[in-house]
Protein backbone atom coordinates (compact mmCIF):
# COMPACT_ATOMS: atom_id res chain seq x y z
CA MET A 1 71.95 91.57 127.41
CA ILE A 2 72.02 91.31 131.16
CA MET A 3 69.05 93.10 132.64
CA PRO A 4 68.93 94.56 136.16
CA ARG A 5 67.38 92.30 138.73
CA GLY A 6 64.42 94.57 139.50
CA SER A 7 63.21 94.97 135.91
CA ASP A 8 61.27 92.11 134.38
CA GLN A 9 60.65 93.77 131.02
CA LEU A 10 62.28 96.24 128.69
CA LEU A 11 60.92 99.76 128.99
CA LEU A 12 59.82 101.96 126.13
CA PRO A 13 61.60 105.29 125.65
CA VAL A 14 60.25 108.01 127.87
CA ASN A 15 58.36 110.90 126.33
CA PRO A 16 60.11 114.23 127.08
CA PHE A 17 56.72 115.89 127.51
CA PHE A 18 55.88 113.37 130.23
CA ILE A 19 59.10 114.28 132.07
CA ALA A 20 58.24 117.98 131.82
CA LEU A 21 54.65 117.35 132.92
CA THR A 22 55.69 115.37 136.00
CA LEU A 23 58.25 117.99 137.00
CA LEU A 24 55.74 120.82 136.58
CA LEU A 25 53.05 118.91 138.49
CA ALA A 26 55.49 118.23 141.33
CA LEU A 27 56.43 121.92 141.36
CA MET A 28 52.76 122.91 141.52
CA VAL A 29 52.11 120.46 144.37
CA ASP A 30 55.11 121.92 146.17
CA MET A 31 53.64 125.42 145.72
CA VAL A 32 50.23 124.59 147.20
CA PRO A 33 49.77 126.96 150.16
CA ILE A 34 49.01 124.43 152.89
CA GLY A 35 51.77 125.66 155.16
CA ARG A 36 55.31 124.40 155.35
CA LEU A 37 56.07 121.93 158.10
CA ALA A 38 59.61 120.73 158.71
CA ALA A 39 58.58 117.08 158.35
CA MET A 40 56.67 117.60 155.09
CA PRO A 41 58.20 115.61 152.22
CA ASP A 42 59.37 117.49 149.16
CA LEU A 43 57.65 115.87 146.18
CA LEU A 44 59.70 117.87 143.69
CA ALA A 45 62.89 116.47 145.21
CA VAL A 46 61.57 112.92 144.80
CA VAL A 47 60.66 113.52 141.15
CA LEU A 48 64.02 115.19 140.44
CA VAL A 49 65.87 112.24 141.94
CA PHE A 50 63.71 109.78 140.02
CA TRP A 51 64.39 111.43 136.67
CA GLY A 52 68.04 111.97 137.61
CA VAL A 53 68.35 108.21 138.12
CA HIS A 54 66.29 107.08 135.13
CA GLN A 55 67.02 109.86 132.61
CA PRO A 56 70.30 111.53 133.67
CA ARG A 57 70.92 113.07 130.25
CA ARG A 58 67.56 114.82 130.16
CA VAL A 59 67.12 115.94 133.76
CA GLY A 60 70.39 116.97 135.30
CA VAL A 61 71.91 119.43 137.70
CA VAL A 62 70.95 122.48 135.62
CA TRP A 63 67.25 121.64 135.70
CA ALA A 64 67.48 120.91 139.42
CA PHE A 65 69.10 124.33 139.94
CA ILE A 66 66.38 126.09 137.92
CA PHE A 67 63.58 124.35 139.80
CA GLY A 68 65.36 125.15 143.06
CA LEU A 69 65.40 128.84 142.17
CA LEU A 70 61.69 128.70 141.39
CA VAL A 71 60.99 127.10 144.77
CA ASP A 72 63.19 129.69 146.51
CA VAL A 73 61.29 132.54 144.90
CA HIS A 74 57.92 131.01 145.72
CA HIS A 75 58.70 130.16 149.34
CA GLY A 76 60.45 133.46 149.94
CA SER A 77 63.52 131.70 151.26
CA LEU A 78 67.14 132.63 150.73
CA LEU A 79 67.78 132.74 146.98
CA GLY A 80 69.81 129.66 146.16
CA GLN A 81 68.99 127.60 149.26
CA HIS A 82 66.78 125.06 147.48
CA ALA A 83 68.77 125.48 144.27
CA LEU A 84 71.94 124.29 146.00
CA SER A 85 70.07 121.52 147.78
CA TYR A 86 68.41 120.26 144.58
CA SER A 87 71.71 120.48 142.69
CA VAL A 88 73.44 118.31 145.29
CA LEU A 89 70.47 115.95 145.18
CA SER A 90 70.54 115.71 141.39
CA PHE A 91 74.30 115.18 141.33
CA GLY A 92 73.96 112.32 143.81
CA ALA A 93 71.13 110.79 141.76
CA ILE A 94 73.21 110.93 138.60
CA MET A 95 76.14 109.34 140.43
CA MET A 96 74.01 106.34 141.39
CA HIS A 97 71.98 106.00 138.20
CA ARG A 98 73.82 102.86 137.03
CA ARG A 99 73.77 101.10 140.38
CA LEU A 100 70.27 101.82 141.67
CA PRO A 101 68.13 99.86 139.13
CA TRP A 102 69.80 96.61 140.21
CA PHE A 103 68.10 96.75 143.60
CA SER A 104 64.51 96.01 144.53
CA LEU A 105 62.20 98.96 145.28
CA PRO A 106 62.58 98.78 149.09
CA ALA A 107 66.36 98.53 148.70
CA GLN A 108 66.28 101.49 146.32
CA ALA A 109 64.41 103.48 148.95
CA MET A 110 67.17 102.68 151.43
CA GLN A 111 69.78 103.75 148.86
CA VAL A 112 68.17 107.15 148.23
CA LEU A 113 67.47 107.86 151.93
CA PRO A 114 71.02 109.22 152.60
CA LEU A 115 70.71 111.32 149.45
CA PHE A 116 67.54 112.99 150.71
CA PHE A 117 69.12 113.40 154.15
CA VAL A 118 72.18 115.17 152.69
CA ALA A 119 69.95 117.50 150.67
CA HIS A 120 68.01 118.51 153.78
CA VAL A 121 71.23 119.02 155.72
CA VAL A 122 72.60 121.27 152.96
CA ALA A 123 69.43 123.38 152.97
CA LEU A 124 69.51 123.54 156.78
CA LEU A 125 73.16 124.61 156.85
CA VAL A 126 72.51 127.38 154.33
CA ARG A 127 69.51 128.55 156.37
CA LEU A 128 71.46 128.51 159.63
CA ALA A 129 74.51 130.20 158.07
CA VAL A 130 72.49 133.33 157.32
CA GLY A 131 70.87 133.45 160.74
CA GLY A 132 67.74 131.43 160.14
CA MET A 133 65.82 129.63 162.85
CA TRP A 134 66.23 125.98 163.76
CA PRO A 135 63.15 124.18 162.35
CA GLY A 136 63.18 121.48 165.01
CA TRP A 137 64.00 117.82 165.12
CA SER A 138 60.98 116.94 163.01
CA LEU A 139 63.15 117.93 160.02
CA LEU A 140 64.69 114.45 160.27
CA LEU A 141 61.35 112.90 159.31
CA ALA A 142 61.18 114.57 155.87
CA PRO A 143 63.95 112.45 154.27
CA LEU A 144 62.33 109.35 155.72
CA PHE A 145 58.95 110.26 154.20
CA GLU A 146 60.62 111.03 150.87
CA ALA A 147 62.33 107.64 150.89
CA LEU A 148 58.98 106.01 151.66
CA LEU A 149 57.49 107.80 148.63
CA TRP A 150 60.22 106.38 146.37
CA PRO A 151 58.52 103.03 145.53
CA LEU A 152 55.22 104.75 144.78
CA ALA A 153 56.92 107.36 142.60
CA THR A 154 58.80 104.64 140.74
CA LEU A 155 55.66 102.65 140.02
CA LEU A 156 53.71 105.73 138.88
CA LEU A 157 56.42 107.37 136.80
CA LEU A 158 57.49 104.17 135.02
CA ALA A 159 53.91 103.12 134.20
CA PRO A 160 53.74 104.84 130.77
CA GLN A 161 56.95 103.11 129.71
CA ARG A 162 55.69 99.63 130.59
CA ARG A 163 52.93 99.49 127.99
CA ALA A 164 53.23 97.18 124.99
CA PRO A 165 55.17 98.66 122.06
CA ASP A 166 52.64 97.34 119.54
CA ARG A 167 49.03 96.91 120.54
CA ASP A 168 46.83 94.12 119.27
CA ALA A 169 43.43 92.68 120.14
CA ASN A 170 44.83 89.50 121.74
CA ARG A 171 47.12 91.16 124.27
CA PRO A 172 45.47 92.52 127.43
CA LEU A 173 47.97 95.31 128.05
């Protein structure tokens, strides 16, 4: 079997509870009341894209839409603004799920940068269409920060799958 260039070992199957836990933790981090700056990265979007790329059959557009509605309700924004943005984001992640693992982590970050940018533009257009305020040019920094978080998210979220399938006393991992 030909393996993607970036992966040096076969991964174990992912635990569905781990997927749910990471999505809920990202949602809770997104709901922390520290104020919402335009340049603040959306951790839930990064986790949704990650699982959309690595587990497209388990985390798809429907889950992105549901989490988007939860974020809309919590932030008090227009109902469906984040839901539409996350759905577009998840669809784009699923479209590139076969191609992305062939790249190195920095190249993957460059591949997902336009995806994050499009998601922010969609949310901005929905906000402006209903008479919302322009958040400022610092909004362009959020997709960049999210793309910079991509390698860290990949290393952290793939860590449970990289353990040895059968443990023994002679193997350090």
